[in-house]
Amino acid sequence: MFESAKHEIISCERCQTRIECKANNYTQCQCSVVRLSINEVQYISELYEGCLCAKCLLELQEEYQQNL
């Protein structure tokens, strides 16, 4: 119950969907389901600075793969 108070509700930088950021407990964060390569992380970090939802991360991963 109190654990969720430690996490911040933010908007995905790309789509503005409200997400619960668990940067202090990464393995529990919604974005941790997306496995990105180092190159994919670099590609995404060149486009966005803030947190992204898992859906956007997957879409950007696919976009990166299509542009190879």
PDB file of N, CA and C in Angstrom:
ATOM      1  N   MET A   1       0.827  -1.189   0.000  1.00  0.00           N
ATOM      2  CA  MET A   1       0.000   0.000   0.000  1.00  0.00           C
ATOM      3  C   MET A   1       0.873   1.255   0.000  1.00  0.00           C
ATOM      4  N   PHE A   2       1.826   1.345   0.907  1.00  0.00           N
ATOM      5  CA  PHE A   2       2.694   2.518   0.977  1.00  0.00           C
ATOM      6  C   PHE A   2       3.763   2.502  -0.087  1.00  0.00           C
ATOM      7  N   GLU A   3       4.092   1.326  -0.620  1.00  0.00           N
ATOM      8  CA  GLU A   3       5.162   1.210  -1.607  1.00  0.00           C
ATOM      9  C   GLU A   3       4.891   2.051  -2.842  1.00  0.00           C
ATOM     10  N   SER A   4       3.650   2.081  -3.329  1.00  0.00           N
ATOM     11  CA  SER A   4       3.349   2.849  -4.531  1.00  0.00           C
ATOM     12  C   SER A   4       3.545   4.353  -4.315  1.00  0.00           C
ATOM     13  N   ALA A   5       3.486   4.805  -3.082  1.00  0.00           N
ATOM     14  CA  ALA A   5       3.710   6.221  -2.803  1.00  0.00           C
ATOM     15  C   ALA A   5       5.152   6.619  -3.096  1.00  0.00           C
ATOM     16  N   LYS A   6       6.059   5.649  -3.150  1.00  0.00           N
ATOM     17  CA  LYS A   6       7.456   5.922  -3.437  1.00  0.00           C
ATOM     18  C   LYS A   6       7.696   6.142  -4.920  1.00  0.00           C
ATOM     19  N   HIS A   7       6.723   5.809  -5.743  1.00  0.00           N
ATOM     20  CA  HIS A   7       6.870   5.898  -7.180  1.00  0.00           C
ATOM     21  C   HIS A   7       6.126   7.110  -7.705  1.00  0.00           C
ATOM     22  N   GLU A   8       6.642   7.640  -8.781  1.00  0.00           N
ATOM     23  CA  GLU A   8       6.091   8.861  -9.350  1.00  0.00           C
ATOM     24  C   GLU A   8       5.187   8.535 -10.539  1.00  0.00           C
ATOM     25  N   ILE A   9       4.028   9.172 -10.602  1.00  0.00           N
ATOM     26  CA  ILE A   9       3.158   9.060 -11.759  1.00  0.00           C
ATOM     27  C   ILE A   9       3.563  10.173 -12.718  1.00  0.00           C
ATOM     28  N   ILE A  10       3.971   9.778 -13.914  1.00  0.00           N
ATOM     29  CA  ILE A  10       4.453  10.738 -14.911  1.00  0.00           C
ATOM     30  C   ILE A  10       3.775  10.466 -16.244  1.00  0.00           C
ATOM     31  N   SER A  11       3.998  11.323 -17.197  1.00  0.00           N
ATOM     32  CA  SER A  11       3.502  11.118 -18.557  1.00  0.00           C
ATOM     33  C   SER A  11       4.639  10.609 -19.422  1.00  0.00           C
ATOM     34  N   CYS A  12       4.318   9.645 -20.272  1.00  0.00           N
ATOM     35  CA  CYS A  12       5.283   9.176 -21.259  1.00  0.00           C
ATOM     36  C   CYS A  12       5.655  10.372 -22.125  1.00  0.00           C
ATOM     37  N   GLU A  13       6.933  10.571 -22.341  1.00  0.00           N
ATOM     38  CA  GLU A  13       7.390  11.730 -23.110  1.00  0.00           C
ATOM     39  C   GLU A  13       6.893  11.690 -24.552  1.00  0.00           C
ATOM     40  N   ARG A  14       6.655  10.504 -25.077  1.00  0.00           N
ATOM     41  CA  ARG A  14       6.275  10.371 -26.487  1.00  0.00           C
ATOM     42  C   ARG A  14       4.761  10.454 -26.700  1.00  0.00           C
ATOM     43  N   CYS A  15       3.975   9.722 -25.914  1.00  0.00           N
ATOM     44  CA  CYS A  15       2.527   9.647 -26.166  1.00  0.00           C
ATOM     45  C   CYS A  15       1.674  10.285 -25.072  1.00  0.00           C
ATOM     46  N   GLN A  16       2.311  10.719 -24.005  1.00  0.00           N
ATOM     47  CA  GLN A  16       1.643  11.390 -22.885  1.00  0.00           C
ATOM     48  C   GLN A  16       0.762  10.471 -22.038  1.00  0.00           C
ATOM     49  N   THR A  17       0.819   9.152 -22.258  1.00  0.00           N
ATOM     50  CA  THR A  17       0.095   8.211 -21.404  1.00  0.00           C
ATOM     51  C   THR A  17       0.654   8.301 -19.991  1.00  0.00           C
ATOM     52  N   ARG A  18      -0.217   8.272 -19.001  1.00  0.00           N
ATOM     53  CA  ARG A  18       0.219   8.322 -17.607  1.00  0.00           C
ATOM     54  C   ARG A  18       0.797   6.959 -17.228  1.00  0.00           C
ATOM     55  N   ILE A  19       2.006   6.958 -16.667  1.00  0.00           N
ATOM     56  CA  ILE A  19       2.668   5.721 -16.250  1.00  0.00           C
ATOM     57  C   ILE A  19       3.240   5.900 -14.854  1.00  0.00           C
ATOM     58  N   GLU A  20       3.405   4.790 -14.160  1.00  0.00           N
ATOM     59  CA  GLU A  20       4.019   4.815 -12.845  1.00  0.00           C
ATOM     60  C   GLU A  20       5.502   4.506 -13.017  1.00  0.00           C
ATOM     61  N   CYS A  21       6.344   5.497 -12.772  1.00  0.00           N
ATOM     62  CA  CYS A  21       7.790   5.346 -12.912  1.00  0.00           C
ATOM     63  C   CYS A  21       8.341   4.719 -11.636  1.00  0.00           C
ATOM     64  N   LYS A  22       9.026   3.619 -11.793  1.00  0.00           N
ATOM     65  CA  LYS A  22       9.633   2.940 -10.649  1.00  0.00           C
ATOM     66  C   LYS A  22      11.137   2.865 -10.847  1.00  0.00           C
ATOM     67  N   ALA A  23      11.743   3.995 -11.171  1.00  0.00           N
ATOM     68  CA  ALA A  23      13.180   4.039 -11.424  1.00  0.00           C
ATOM     69  C   ALA A  23      13.980   3.539 -10.224  1.00  0.00           C
ATOM     70  N   ASN A  24      13.450   3.713  -9.029  1.00  0.00           N
ATOM     71  CA  ASN A  24      14.148   3.235  -7.839  1.00  0.00           C
ATOM     72  C   ASN A  24      13.921   1.741  -7.599  1.00  0.00           C
ATOM     73  N   ASN A  25      13.103   1.100  -8.426  1.00  0.00           N
ATOM     74  CA  ASN A  25      12.846  -0.338  -8.344  1.00  0.00           C
ATOM     75  C   ASN A  25      12.628  -0.839  -9.773  1.00  0.00           C
ATOM     76  N   TYR A  26      13.666  -0.695 -10.590  1.00  0.00           N
ATOM     77  CA  TYR A  26      13.584  -0.909 -12.039  1.00  0.00           C
ATOM     78  C   TYR A  26      12.949  -2.233 -12.434  1.00  0.00           C
ATOM     79  N   THR A  27      13.251  -3.309 -11.728  1.00  0.00           N
ATOM     80  CA  THR A  27      12.721  -4.618 -12.128  1.00  0.00           C
ATOM     81  C   THR A  27      11.207  -4.692 -12.006  1.00  0.00           C
ATOM     82  N   GLN A  28      10.610  -3.776 -11.281  1.00  0.00           N
ATOM     83  CA  GLN A  28       9.158  -3.725 -11.108  1.00  0.00           C
ATOM     84  C   GLN A  28       8.499  -2.688 -12.022  1.00  0.00           C
ATOM     85  N   CYS A  29       9.309  -1.908 -12.743  1.00  0.00           N
ATOM     86  CA  CYS A  29       8.780  -0.841 -13.581  1.00  0.00           C
ATOM     87  C   CYS A  29       8.160  -1.415 -14.855  1.00  0.00           C
ATOM     88  N   GLN A  30       7.146  -0.756 -15.367  1.00  0.00           N
ATOM     89  CA  GLN A  30       6.445  -1.211 -16.572  1.00  0.00           C
ATOM     90  C   GLN A  30       7.369  -1.284 -17.781  1.00  0.00           C
ATOM     91  N   CYS A  31       8.391  -0.446 -17.826  1.00  0.00           N
ATOM     92  CA  CYS A  31       9.293  -0.432 -18.979  1.00  0.00           C
ATOM     93  C   CYS A  31      10.281  -1.592 -18.981  1.00  0.00           C
ATOM     94  N   SER A  32      10.427  -2.274 -17.855  1.00  0.00           N
ATOM     95  CA  SER A  32      11.418  -3.348 -17.761  1.00  0.00           C
ATOM     96  C   SER A  32      11.051  -4.574 -18.599  1.00  0.00           C
ATOM     97  N   VAL A  33       9.828  -4.629 -19.111  1.00  0.00           N
ATOM     98  CA  VAL A  33       9.430  -5.765 -19.956  1.00  0.00           C
ATOM     99  C   VAL A  33      10.033  -5.661 -21.353  1.00  0.00           C
ATOM    100  N   VAL A  34      10.550  -4.484 -21.712  1.00  0.00           N
ATOM    101  CA  VAL A  34      11.132  -4.274 -23.034  1.00  0.00           C
ATOM    102  C   VAL A  34      12.644  -4.450 -22.936  1.00  0.00           C
ATOM    103  N   ARG A  35      13.173  -5.394 -23.702  1.00  0.00           N
ATOM    104  CA  ARG A  35      14.615  -5.658 -23.718  1.00  0.00           C
ATOM    105  C   ARG A  35      15.226  -4.964 -24.926  1.00  0.00           C
ATOM    106  N   LEU A  36      16.047  -3.967 -24.661  1.00  0.00           N
ATOM    107  CA  LEU A  36      16.651  -3.184 -25.731  1.00  0.00           C
ATOM    108  C   LEU A  36      18.148  -3.472 -25.831  1.00  0.00           C
ATOM    109  N   SER A  37      18.647  -3.499 -27.059  1.00  0.00           N
ATOM    110  CA  SER A  37      20.087  -3.616 -27.266  1.00  0.00           C
ATOM    111  C   SER A  37      20.731  -2.263 -26.965  1.00  0.00           C
ATOM    112  N   ILE A  38      22.033  -2.248 -26.854  1.00  0.00           N
ATOM    113  CA  ILE A  38      22.751  -0.996 -26.616  1.00  0.00           C
ATOM    114  C   ILE A  38      22.477  -0.002 -27.747  1.00  0.00           C
ATOM    115  N   ASN A  39      22.463  -0.488 -28.977  1.00  0.00           N
ATOM    116  CA  ASN A  39      22.197   0.386 -30.127  1.00  0.00           C
ATOM    117  C   ASN A  39      20.781   0.948 -30.088  1.00  0.00           C
ATOM    118  N   GLU A  40      19.827   0.140 -29.667  1.00  0.00           N
ATOM    119  CA  GLU A  40      18.439   0.607 -29.560  1.00  0.00           C
ATOM    120  C   GLU A  40      18.305   1.662 -28.469  1.00  0.00           C
ATOM    121  N   VAL A  41      18.979   1.452 -27.357  1.00  0.00           N
ATOM    122  CA  VAL A  41      18.968   2.440 -26.265  1.00  0.00           C
ATOM    123  C   VAL A  41      19.559   3.757 -26.754  1.00  0.00           C
ATOM    124  N   GLN A  42      20.659   3.687 -27.482  1.00  0.00           N
ATOM    125  CA  GLN A  42      21.290   4.900 -28.005  1.00  0.00           C
ATOM    126  C   GLN A  42      20.349   5.618 -28.962  1.00  0.00           C
ATOM    127  N   TYR A  43      19.712   4.878 -29.855  1.00  0.00           N
ATOM    128  CA  TYR A  43      18.769   5.454 -30.824  1.00  0.00           C
ATOM    129  C   TYR A  43      17.639   6.190 -30.094  1.00  0.00           C
ATOM    130  N   ILE A  44      17.049   5.541 -29.109  1.00  0.00           N
ATOM    131  CA  ILE A  44      15.929   6.132 -28.371  1.00  0.00           C
ATOM    132  C   ILE A  44      16.394   7.338 -27.560  1.00  0.00           C
ATOM    133  N   SER A  45      17.566   7.235 -26.950  1.00  0.00           N
ATOM    134  CA  SER A  45      18.044   8.352 -26.123  1.00  0.00           C
ATOM    135  C   SER A  45      18.409   9.576 -26.954  1.00  0.00           C
ATOM    136  N   GLU A  46      18.658   9.390 -28.241  1.00  0.00           N
ATOM    137  CA  GLU A  46      18.893  10.537 -29.123  1.00  0.00           C
ATOM    138  C   GLU A  46      17.590  11.267 -29.457  1.00  0.00           C
ATOM    139  N   LEU A  47      16.470  10.576 -29.296  1.00  0.00           N
ATOM    140  CA  LEU A  47      15.167  11.160 -29.601  1.00  0.00           C
ATOM    141  C   LEU A  47      14.440  11.700 -28.372  1.00  0.00           C
ATOM    142  N   TYR A  48      14.629  11.041 -27.229  1.00  0.00           N
ATOM    143  CA  TYR A  48      13.884  11.375 -26.010  1.00  0.00           C
ATOM    144  C   TYR A  48      14.814  11.390 -24.811  1.00  0.00           C
ATOM    145  N   GLU A  49      14.520  12.266 -23.866  1.00  0.00           N
ATOM    146  CA  GLU A  49      15.319  12.363 -22.652  1.00  0.00           C
ATOM    147  C   GLU A  49      14.639  11.723 -21.453  1.00  0.00           C
ATOM    148  N   GLY A  50      13.308  11.743 -21.444  1.00  0.00           N
ATOM    149  CA  GLY A  50      12.571  11.269 -20.280  1.00  0.00           C
ATOM    150  C   GLY A  50      12.109   9.835 -20.405  1.00  0.00           C
ATOM    151  N   CYS A  51      11.273   9.440 -19.474  1.00  0.00           N
ATOM    152  CA  CYS A  51      10.735   8.078 -19.443  1.00  0.00           C
ATOM    153  C   CYS A  51       9.703   7.866 -20.544  1.00  0.00           C
ATOM    154  N   LEU A  52       9.670   6.645 -21.031  1.00  0.00           N
ATOM    155  CA  LEU A  52       8.703   6.248 -22.050  1.00  0.00           C
ATOM    156  C   LEU A  52       7.945   5.024 -21.571  1.00  0.00           C
ATOM    157  N   CYS A  53       6.706   4.894 -22.023  1.00  0.00           N
ATOM    158  CA  CYS A  53       5.922   3.713 -21.676  1.00  0.00           C
ATOM    159  C   CYS A  53       6.429   2.518 -22.483  1.00  0.00           C
ATOM    160  N   ALA A  54       6.087   1.321 -22.036  1.00  0.00           N
ATOM    161  CA  ALA A  54       6.527   0.100 -22.706  1.00  0.00           C
ATOM    162  C   ALA A  54       6.037   0.047 -24.148  1.00  0.00           C
ATOM    163  N   LYS A  55       4.826   0.516 -24.398  1.00  0.00           N
ATOM    164  CA  LYS A  55       4.272   0.504 -25.764  1.00  0.00           C
ATOM    165  C   LYS A  55       5.133   1.351 -26.697  1.00  0.00           C
ATOM    166  N   CYS A  56       5.502   2.543 -26.256  1.00  0.00           N
ATOM    167  CA  CYS A  56       6.338   3.413 -27.085  1.00  0.00           C
ATOM    168  C   CYS A  56       7.734   2.822 -27.264  1.00  0.00           C
ATOM    169  N   LEU A  57       8.283   2.232 -26.212  1.00  0.00           N
ATOM    170  CA  LEU A  57       9.600   1.606 -26.333  1.00  0.00           C
ATOM    171  C   LEU A  57       9.581   0.503 -27.379  1.00  0.00           C
ATOM    172  N   LEU A  58       8.532  -0.307 -27.378  1.00  0.00           N
ATOM    173  CA  LEU A  58       8.409  -1.376 -28.371  1.00  0.00           C
ATOM    174  C   LEU A  58       8.271  -0.805 -29.780  1.00  0.00           C
ATOM    175  N   GLU A  59       7.497   0.252 -29.924  1.00  0.00           N
ATOM    176  CA  GLU A  59       7.323   0.884 -31.239  1.00  0.00           C
ATOM    177  C   GLU A  59       8.636   1.477 -31.742  1.00  0.00           C
ATOM    178  N   LEU A  60       9.396   2.110 -30.858  1.00  0.00           N
ATOM    179  CA  LEU A  60      10.677   2.688 -31.251  1.00  0.00           C
ATOM    180  C   LEU A  60      11.708   1.601 -31.555  1.00  0.00           C
ATOM    181  N   GLN A  61      11.633   0.506 -30.826  1.00  0.00           N
ATOM    182  CA  GLN A  61      12.513  -0.630 -31.101  1.00  0.00           C
ATOM    183  C   GLN A  61      12.238  -1.171 -32.508  1.00  0.00           C
ATOM    184  N   GLU A  62      10.961  -1.304 -32.846  1.00  0.00           N
ATOM    185  CA  GLU A  62      10.569  -1.769 -34.178  1.00  0.00           C
ATOM    186  C   GLU A  62      11.012  -0.774 -35.255  1.00  0.00           C
ATOM    187  N   GLU A  63      10.834   0.512 -34.983  1.00  0.00           N
ATOM    188  CA  GLU A  63      11.257   1.564 -35.909  1.00  0.00           C
ATOM    189  C   GLU A  63      12.757   1.491 -36.167  1.00  0.00           C
ATOM    190  N   TYR A  64      13.527   1.290 -35.104  1.00  0.00           N
ATOM    191  CA  TYR A  64      14.978   1.167 -35.245  1.00  0.00           C
ATOM    192  C   TYR A  64      15.331  -0.041 -36.116  1.00  0.00           C
ATOM    193  N   GLN A  65      14.692  -1.171 -35.849  1.00  0.00           N
ATOM    194  CA  GLN A  65      14.973  -2.398 -36.603  1.00  0.00           C
ATOM    195  C   GLN A  65      14.623  -2.231 -38.086  1.00  0.00           C
ATOM    196  N   GLN A  66      13.556  -1.522 -38.392  1.00  0.00           N
ATOM    197  CA  GLN A  66      13.147  -1.308 -39.788  1.00  0.00           C
ATOM    198  C   GLN A  66      14.113  -0.382 -40.525  1.00  0.00           C
ATOM    199  N   ASN A  67      14.791   0.491 -39.792  1.00  0.00           N
ATOM    200  CA  ASN A  67      15.704   1.450 -40.407  1.00  0.00           C
ATOM    201  C   ASN A  67      17.125   0.935 -40.550  1.00  0.00           C
ATOM    202  N   LEU A  68      17.375  -0.298 -40.130  1.00  0.00           N
ATOM    203  CA  LEU A  68      18.734  -0.873 -40.263  1.00  0.00           C
ATOM    204  C   LEU A  68      19.104  -1.098 -41.708  1.00  0.00           C
TER     205      LEU A  68
END
